[in-house]
């Protein structure tokens, strides 16, 4: 074996690993929470700091938790999709989680662009987001009647993603 064989093999292996990595979708980050109970929390609501919300309030229902912020550009992209979906009478409840935002900015944003949420919880310091593994907004979690996370959408929900991924699963979970 000559002195160039080992470096050549190592280089070839590195190129193969990088080539596979380049074919992956950077938005397709699997969540370790899929199939596990949604992390519990109790935080004030965005619209009324005297009222609180907890995932336990949604027990027995299929629902979406949408993490958003007024400063999030991608949230503005997905927002019309959520507003249109919320108008559908067969829509499941959408709970907003206003993430690392200012209360007044979040309220103004909803007033300006429409409010698809049954309510929005207020996660000013991002602690709830940490428990859910949020690393960027928007992110959306589909939670079943037993309180388990069944799906996570990283990035904005598009009409195509809603039709292809989320609505079929909602239909299945509501059986």
C-alpha atoms as a PDB file:
ATOM      1  CA  UNK A   1       0.000   0.000   0.000  1.00  0.00           C
ATOM      2  CA  UNK A   2       1.567   3.313  -0.968  1.00  0.00           C
ATOM      3  CA  UNK A   3       1.464   6.509   1.140  1.00  0.00           C
ATOM      4  CA  UNK A   4      -1.294   8.086  -1.015  1.00  0.00           C
ATOM      5  CA  UNK A   5      -3.915   5.351  -0.611  1.00  0.00           C
ATOM      6  CA  UNK A   6      -5.190   6.282   2.866  1.00  0.00           C
ATOM      7  CA  UNK A   7      -5.535  10.035   2.135  1.00  0.00           C
ATOM      8  CA  UNK A   8      -7.240   9.227  -1.183  1.00  0.00           C
ATOM      9  CA  UNK A   9      -9.758   6.915   0.520  1.00  0.00           C
ATOM     10  CA  UNK A  10     -10.429   9.507   3.249  1.00  0.00           C
ATOM     11  CA  UNK A  11     -10.893  12.258   0.658  1.00  0.00           C
ATOM     12  CA  UNK A  12     -13.270  10.091  -1.398  1.00  0.00           C
ATOM     13  CA  UNK A  13     -15.353   9.291   1.706  1.00  0.00           C
ATOM     14  CA  UNK A  14     -15.543  12.988   2.618  1.00  0.00           C
ATOM     15  CA  UNK A  15     -16.672  13.903  -0.914  1.00  0.00           C
ATOM     16  CA  UNK A  16     -19.363  11.190  -0.768  1.00  0.00           C
ATOM     17  CA  UNK A  17     -20.691  12.457   2.578  1.00  0.00           C
ATOM     18  CA  UNK A  18     -20.786  16.053   1.329  1.00  0.00           C
ATOM     19  CA  UNK A  19     -22.464  15.009  -1.934  1.00  0.00           C
ATOM     20  CA  UNK A  20     -25.253  13.254  -0.018  1.00  0.00           C
ATOM     21  CA  UNK A  21     -25.629  16.288   2.260  1.00  0.00           C
ATOM     22  CA  UNK A  22     -26.104  18.598  -0.705  1.00  0.00           C
ATOM     23  CA  UNK A  23     -29.097  16.564  -1.896  1.00  0.00           C
ATOM     24  CA  UNK A  24     -30.970  16.932   1.411  1.00  0.00           C
ATOM     25  CA  UNK A  25     -33.621  19.553   2.078  1.00  0.00           C
ATOM     26  CA  UNK A  26     -32.322  21.936   4.780  1.00  0.00           C
ATOM     27  CA  UNK A  27     -35.912  22.616   5.908  1.00  0.00           C
ATOM     28  CA  UNK A  28     -36.588  18.917   6.494  1.00  0.00           C
ATOM     29  CA  UNK A  29     -35.366  18.837  10.069  1.00  0.00           C
ATOM     30  CA  UNK A  30     -36.970  15.907  11.853  1.00  0.00           C
ATOM     31  CA  UNK A  31     -38.370  16.733  15.253  1.00  0.00           C
ATOM     32  CA  UNK A  32     -37.600  14.386  18.128  1.00  0.00           C
ATOM     33  CA  UNK A  33     -41.028  15.354  19.513  1.00  0.00           C
ATOM     34  CA  UNK A  34     -43.058  13.597  16.787  1.00  0.00           C
ATOM     35  CA  UNK A  35     -45.217  10.973  18.488  1.00  0.00           C
ATOM     36  CA  UNK A  36     -44.476  12.341  21.949  1.00  0.00           C
ATOM     37  CA  UNK A  37     -46.687  14.430  24.224  1.00  0.00           C
ATOM     38  CA  UNK A  38     -46.621  18.128  23.429  1.00  0.00           C
ATOM     39  CA  UNK A  39     -44.599  19.962  26.074  1.00  0.00           C
ATOM     40  CA  UNK A  40     -46.867  21.498  28.665  1.00  0.00           C
ATOM     41  CA  UNK A  41     -46.775  25.192  29.446  1.00  0.00           C
ATOM     42  CA  UNK A  42     -48.966  27.911  30.886  1.00  0.00           C
ATOM     43  CA  UNK A  43     -48.475  31.444  29.588  1.00  0.00           C
ATOM     44  CA  UNK A  44     -50.505  34.600  29.296  1.00  0.00           C
ATOM     45  CA  UNK A  45     -52.566  35.232  26.210  1.00  0.00           C
ATOM     46  CA  UNK A  46     -51.429  37.880  23.774  1.00  0.00           C
ATOM     47  CA  UNK A  47     -54.763  39.723  23.796  1.00  0.00           C
ATOM     48  CA  UNK A  48     -55.241  39.670  27.588  1.00  0.00           C
ATOM     49  CA  UNK A  49     -52.302  39.206  29.991  1.00  0.00           C
ATOM     50  CA  UNK A  50     -54.801  38.304  32.747  1.00  0.00           C
ATOM     51  CA  UNK A  51     -55.886  35.157  30.883  1.00  0.00           C
ATOM     52  CA  UNK A  52     -53.650  32.127  30.426  1.00  0.00           C
ATOM     53  CA  UNK A  53     -53.405  29.309  27.913  1.00  0.00           C
ATOM     54  CA  UNK A  54     -52.119  25.771  28.339  1.00  0.00           C
ATOM     55  CA  UNK A  55     -52.148  22.871  25.845  1.00  0.00           C
ATOM     56  CA  UNK A  56     -54.372  21.067  28.365  1.00  0.00           C
ATOM     57  CA  UNK A  57     -57.108  23.527  27.356  1.00  0.00           C
ATOM     58  CA  UNK A  58     -57.224  21.735  23.997  1.00  0.00           C
ATOM     59  CA  UNK A  59     -57.566  18.191  25.403  1.00  0.00           C
ATOM     60  CA  UNK A  60     -59.712  15.985  23.188  1.00  0.00           C
ATOM     61  CA  UNK A  61     -59.234  18.195  20.118  1.00  0.00           C
ATOM     62  CA  UNK A  62     -56.976  18.057  17.087  1.00  0.00           C
ATOM     63  CA  UNK A  63     -55.314  21.462  16.775  1.00  0.00           C
ATOM     64  CA  UNK A  64     -52.447  23.395  15.250  1.00  0.00           C
ATOM     65  CA  UNK A  65     -49.862  25.356  17.237  1.00  0.00           C
ATOM     66  CA  UNK A  66     -48.391  28.009  14.952  1.00  0.00           C
ATOM     67  CA  UNK A  67     -45.272  29.790  16.206  1.00  0.00           C
ATOM     68  CA  UNK A  68     -45.122  33.304  14.748  1.00  0.00           C
ATOM     69  CA  UNK A  69     -43.799  36.816  15.367  1.00  0.00           C
ATOM     70  CA  UNK A  70     -44.488  40.299  14.029  1.00  0.00           C
ATOM     71  CA  UNK A  71     -40.810  40.656  13.066  1.00  0.00           C
ATOM     72  CA  UNK A  72     -40.856  37.427  11.018  1.00  0.00           C
ATOM     73  CA  UNK A  73     -40.824  37.997   7.256  1.00  0.00           C
ATOM     74  CA  UNK A  74     -41.683  34.356   6.457  1.00  0.00           C
ATOM     75  CA  UNK A  75     -44.691  34.578   8.804  1.00  0.00           C
ATOM     76  CA  UNK A  76     -46.113  37.248   6.523  1.00  0.00           C
ATOM     77  CA  UNK A  77     -45.770  34.787   3.634  1.00  0.00           C
ATOM     78  CA  UNK A  78     -47.746  32.019   5.378  1.00  0.00           C
ATOM     79  CA  UNK A  79     -50.309  34.236   7.082  1.00  0.00           C
ATOM     80  CA  UNK A  80     -52.803  34.493   4.176  1.00  0.00           C
ATOM     81  CA  UNK A  81     -52.836  30.678   3.973  1.00  0.00           C
ATOM     82  CA  UNK A  82     -53.696  30.440   7.678  1.00  0.00           C
ATOM     83  CA  UNK A  83     -56.354  33.157   7.431  1.00  0.00           C
ATOM     84  CA  UNK A  84     -58.016  31.385   4.483  1.00  0.00           C
ATOM     85  CA  UNK A  85     -57.851  28.009   6.234  1.00  0.00           C
ATOM     86  CA  UNK A  86     -59.344  29.386   9.462  1.00  0.00           C
ATOM     87  CA  UNK A  87     -62.401  30.580   7.513  1.00  0.00           C
ATOM     88  CA  UNK A  88     -63.120  26.969   6.460  1.00  0.00           C
ATOM     89  CA  UNK A  89     -65.854  25.548   8.682  1.00  0.00           C
ATOM     90  CA  UNK A  90     -64.078  22.184   8.867  1.00  0.00           C
ATOM     91  CA  UNK A  91     -60.835  23.805  10.061  1.00  0.00           C
ATOM     92  CA  UNK A  92     -59.259  22.643  13.301  1.00  0.00           C
ATOM     93  CA  UNK A  93     -58.462  25.338  15.866  1.00  0.00           C
ATOM     94  CA  UNK A  94     -55.231  27.217  15.299  1.00  0.00           C
ATOM     95  CA  UNK A  95     -53.496  28.451  18.423  1.00  0.00           C
ATOM     96  CA  UNK A  96     -50.830  31.047  17.852  1.00  0.00           C
ATOM     97  CA  UNK A  97     -47.646  31.235  19.885  1.00  0.00           C
ATOM     98  CA  UNK A  98     -46.345  34.766  19.590  1.00  0.00           C
ATOM     99  CA  UNK A  99     -42.616  34.146  19.954  1.00  0.00           C
ATOM    100  CA  UNK A 100     -40.020  36.578  21.323  1.00  0.00           C
ATOM    101  CA  UNK A 101     -42.112  39.558  20.359  1.00  0.00           C
ATOM    102  CA  UNK A 102     -43.499  42.703  21.926  1.00  0.00           C
ATOM    103  CA  UNK A 103     -47.145  42.408  22.912  1.00  0.00           C
ATOM    104  CA  UNK A 104     -48.207  45.626  21.159  1.00  0.00           C
ATOM    105  CA  UNK A 105     -46.344  44.691  17.963  1.00  0.00           C
ATOM    106  CA  UNK A 106     -48.058  41.289  17.872  1.00  0.00           C
ATOM    107  CA  UNK A 107     -51.511  42.793  18.409  1.00  0.00           C
ATOM    108  CA  UNK A 108     -50.936  45.438  15.739  1.00  0.00           C
ATOM    109  CA  UNK A 109     -49.706  42.777  13.293  1.00  0.00           C
ATOM    110  CA  UNK A 110     -52.866  40.684  13.794  1.00  0.00           C
ATOM    111  CA  UNK A 111     -55.068  43.757  13.394  1.00  0.00           C
ATOM    112  CA  UNK A 112     -53.310  44.643  10.136  1.00  0.00           C
ATOM    113  CA  UNK A 113     -53.075  41.182   8.497  1.00  0.00           C
ATOM    114  CA  UNK A 114     -56.027  39.337  10.019  1.00  0.00           C
ATOM    115  CA  UNK A 115     -56.308  36.905  12.901  1.00  0.00           C
ATOM    116  CA  UNK A 116     -56.609  33.202  12.025  1.00  0.00           C
ATOM    117  CA  UNK A 117     -56.052  32.136  15.633  1.00  0.00           C
ATOM    118  CA  UNK A 118     -58.600  30.969  18.157  1.00  0.00           C
ATOM    119  CA  UNK A 119     -56.168  32.709  20.509  1.00  0.00           C
ATOM    120  CA  UNK A 120     -52.493  33.534  20.685  1.00  0.00           C
ATOM    121  CA  UNK A 121     -50.331  32.657  23.648  1.00  0.00           C
ATOM    122  CA  UNK A 122     -47.533  35.104  24.444  1.00  0.00           C
ATOM    123  CA  UNK A 123     -44.010  33.634  24.684  1.00  0.00           C
ATOM    124  CA  UNK A 124     -42.061  36.847  25.277  1.00  0.00           C
ATOM    125  CA  UNK A 125     -38.843  35.207  26.469  1.00  0.00           C
ATOM    126  CA  UNK A 126     -38.948  32.177  24.154  1.00  0.00           C
ATOM    127  CA  UNK A 127     -39.030  29.524  26.904  1.00  0.00           C
ATOM    128  CA  UNK A 128     -42.012  27.700  25.390  1.00  0.00           C
ATOM    129  CA  UNK A 129     -40.280  27.757  22.027  1.00  0.00           C
ATOM    130  CA  UNK A 130     -37.199  26.156  23.580  1.00  0.00           C
ATOM    131  CA  UNK A 131     -39.327  23.297  24.947  1.00  0.00           C
ATOM    132  CA  UNK A 132     -40.772  22.728  21.469  1.00  0.00           C
ATOM    133  CA  UNK A 133     -37.373  22.858  19.782  1.00  0.00           C
ATOM    134  CA  UNK A 134     -38.149  26.017  17.831  1.00  0.00           C
ATOM    135  CA  UNK A 135     -35.071  27.296  16.074  1.00  0.00           C
ATOM    136  CA  UNK A 136     -36.814  29.712  13.728  1.00  0.00           C
ATOM    137  CA  UNK A 137     -40.243  31.036  12.948  1.00  0.00           C
ATOM    138  CA  UNK A 138     -42.648  30.164  11.567  1.00  0.00           C
ATOM    139  CA  UNK A 139     -43.021  26.606  12.762  1.00  0.00           C
ATOM    140  CA  UNK A 140     -46.296  24.720  13.083  1.00  0.00           C
ATOM    141  CA  UNK A 141     -47.153  21.625  15.104  1.00  0.00           C
ATOM    142  CA  UNK A 142     -50.159  19.384  14.562  1.00  0.00           C
ATOM    143  CA  UNK A 143     -51.307  18.002  17.911  1.00  0.00           C
ATOM    144  CA  UNK A 144     -53.787  15.141  18.225  1.00  0.00           C
ATOM    145  CA  UNK A 145     -56.680  14.574  20.642  1.00  0.00           C
ATOM    146  CA  UNK A 146     -54.371  12.849  23.132  1.00  0.00           C
ATOM    147  CA  UNK A 147     -51.983  15.822  23.143  1.00  0.00           C
ATOM    148  CA  UNK A 148     -49.259  14.168  21.063  1.00  0.00           C
ATOM    149  CA  UNK A 149     -47.338  15.997  18.366  1.00  0.00           C
ATOM    150  CA  UNK A 150     -48.068  14.241  15.087  1.00  0.00           C
ATOM    151  CA  UNK A 151     -46.448  16.588  12.546  1.00  0.00           C
ATOM    152  CA  UNK A 152     -44.099  19.550  12.425  1.00  0.00           C
ATOM    153  CA  UNK A 153     -43.890  22.053   9.587  1.00  0.00           C
ATOM    154  CA  UNK A 154     -40.646  23.989   9.608  1.00  0.00           C
ATOM    155  CA  UNK A 155     -40.955  27.230   7.704  1.00  0.00           C
ATOM    156  CA  UNK A 156     -44.071  28.788   6.216  1.00  0.00           C
ATOM    157  CA  UNK A 157     -47.134  26.714   5.501  1.00  0.00           C
ATOM    158  CA  UNK A 158     -47.939  27.012   1.818  1.00  0.00           C
ATOM    159  CA  UNK A 159     -51.256  26.083   0.227  1.00  0.00           C
ATOM    160  CA  UNK A 160     -49.531  23.035  -1.280  1.00  0.00           C
ATOM    161  CA  UNK A 161     -48.080  21.914   2.074  1.00  0.00           C
ATOM    162  CA  UNK A 162     -51.469  22.361   3.698  1.00  0.00           C
ATOM    163  CA  UNK A 163     -53.210  20.252   1.032  1.00  0.00           C
ATOM    164  CA  UNK A 164     -50.534  17.577   0.717  1.00  0.00           C
ATOM    165  CA  UNK A 165     -49.271  17.124   4.289  1.00  0.00           C
ATOM    166  CA  UNK A 166     -51.475  18.696   6.924  1.00  0.00           C
ATOM    167  CA  UNK A 167     -55.110  18.295   5.808  1.00  0.00           C
ATOM    168  CA  UNK A 168     -54.876  14.536   5.134  1.00  0.00           C
ATOM    169  CA  UNK A 169     -53.365  13.988   8.569  1.00  0.00           C
ATOM    170  CA  UNK A 170     -56.016  16.175  10.214  1.00  0.00           C
ATOM    171  CA  UNK A 171     -58.718  14.138   8.500  1.00  0.00           C
ATOM    172  CA  UNK A 172     -57.130  10.902   9.711  1.00  0.00           C
ATOM    173  CA  UNK A 173     -56.754  12.181  13.282  1.00  0.00           C
ATOM    174  CA  UNK A 174     -60.362  13.341  13.450  1.00  0.00           C
ATOM    175  CA  UNK A 175     -61.775   9.862  12.636  1.00  0.00           C
END
